Amino acid sequence: MTTALAEQPPWWEPGTRVGYHVNTFGFLVDEVLRRVDGRTLGQFMRDELVQDLGIDFHVSLPPFEDERVAEWMACQPVADEEPQRP
């Protein structure tokens, strides 16, 4: 995913606007963290927050936890609206 994001040309002149997408932001954060720290985002969160605080928080779940995850449903645009690109 990060390779695909790196190959994507900017939608506007860099430095003039900011935009992140819910489906790609985690991949970007994970890549930066891996390069700086060496751990994945999930491992970093487990090591630095989850274990010490005893909270039920996950970044990427093992298969045996699948029943805890809500089904993701894509939203469809309204018929008379054209999708707008920034």
Protein backbone atom coordinates (compact mmCIF):
# COMPACT_ATOMS: atom_id res chain seq x y z
CA MET A 1 0.00 0.00 0.00
CA THR A 2 2.78 2.44 0.85
CA THR A 3 4.38 1.83 -2.56
CA ALA A 4 1.08 2.65 -4.25
CA LEU A 5 0.74 5.80 -2.14
CA ALA A 6 4.31 6.88 -2.93
CA GLU A 7 3.62 6.46 -6.65
CA GLN A 8 0.39 8.50 -6.50
CA PRO A 9 0.93 11.98 -7.95
CA PRO A 10 -0.17 14.83 -5.65
CA TRP A 11 -3.70 16.15 -6.12
CA TRP A 12 -2.42 19.68 -5.43
CA GLU A 13 0.89 21.48 -5.08
CA PRO A 14 2.76 20.04 -2.07
CA GLY A 15 2.69 22.39 0.90
CA THR A 16 -0.46 24.21 -0.19
CA ARG A 17 -3.09 21.82 1.22
CA VAL A 18 -3.31 18.75 3.43
CA GLY A 19 -5.48 15.69 2.95
CA TYR A 20 -5.55 12.23 4.47
CA HIS A 21 -7.93 9.38 3.92
CA VAL A 22 -9.27 7.04 6.58
CA ASN A 23 -8.29 4.00 4.50
CA THR A 24 -4.66 5.03 3.92
CA PHE A 25 -3.59 7.13 6.92
CA GLY A 26 -2.68 4.09 9.04
CA PHE A 27 -0.40 2.77 6.30
CA LEU A 28 1.43 6.11 6.21
CA VAL A 29 1.88 6.31 9.98
CA ASP A 30 3.02 2.67 10.11
CA GLU A 31 5.64 3.27 7.40
CA VAL A 32 7.07 6.34 9.16
CA LEU A 33 7.18 4.51 12.49
CA ARG A 34 8.87 1.45 10.95
CA ARG A 35 11.56 3.62 9.39
CA VAL A 36 12.19 5.65 12.56
CA ASP A 37 11.64 3.09 15.31
CA GLY A 38 11.77 -0.32 13.59
CA ARG A 39 8.44 -1.49 15.06
CA THR A 40 5.07 -1.68 13.38
CA LEU A 41 2.32 0.63 14.55
CA GLY A 42 0.56 -2.32 16.21
CA GLN A 43 3.69 -3.43 18.07
CA PHE A 44 4.49 0.13 19.12
CA MET A 45 0.97 0.61 20.53
CA ARG A 46 1.13 -2.74 22.40
CA ASP A 47 4.58 -2.02 23.83
CA GLU A 48 4.11 1.63 24.76
CA LEU A 49 0.43 1.92 25.71
CA VAL A 50 -1.74 -1.16 25.74
CA GLN A 51 0.25 -3.43 28.05
CA ASP A 52 1.01 -0.78 30.67
CA LEU A 53 -2.51 0.65 30.72
CA GLY A 54 -4.30 -2.68 30.37
CA ILE A 55 -6.61 -1.36 27.68
CA ASP A 56 -8.40 -3.35 24.99
CA PHE A 57 -7.00 -1.61 21.91
CA HIS A 58 -5.76 -3.21 18.71
CA VAL A 59 -4.06 -2.26 15.50
CA SER A 60 -4.54 -5.34 13.36
CA LEU A 61 -6.29 -8.27 14.97
CA PRO A 62 -5.39 -11.94 14.91
CA PRO A 63 -7.95 -14.17 13.15
CA PHE A 64 -9.45 -15.48 16.40
CA GLU A 65 -10.69 -11.92 17.14
CA ASP A 66 -12.59 -11.53 13.84
CA GLU A 67 -16.02 -11.78 15.47
CA ARG A 68 -15.28 -8.57 17.39
CA VAL A 69 -14.93 -6.50 14.23
CA ALA A 70 -17.81 -4.62 12.65
CA GLU A 71 -18.41 -5.18 8.96
CA TRP A 72 -17.15 -2.29 6.85
CA MET A 73 -19.65 -1.00 4.33
CA ALA A 74 -18.70 1.40 1.56
CA CYS A 75 -20.95 4.40 1.14
CA GLN A 76 -22.39 4.99 -2.29
CA PRO A 77 -22.56 8.57 -3.63
CA VAL A 78 -25.99 10.10 -4.04
CA ALA A 79 -27.17 9.51 -7.62
CA ASP A 80 -27.34 13.18 -8.60
CA GLU A 81 -23.96 14.12 -7.09
CA GLU A 82 -20.69 13.82 -8.98
CA PRO A 83 -17.69 12.77 -6.87
CA GLN A 84 -15.43 15.81 -6.50
CA ARG A 85 -11.70 15.63 -6.61
CA PRO A 86 -9.88 18.32 -4.61
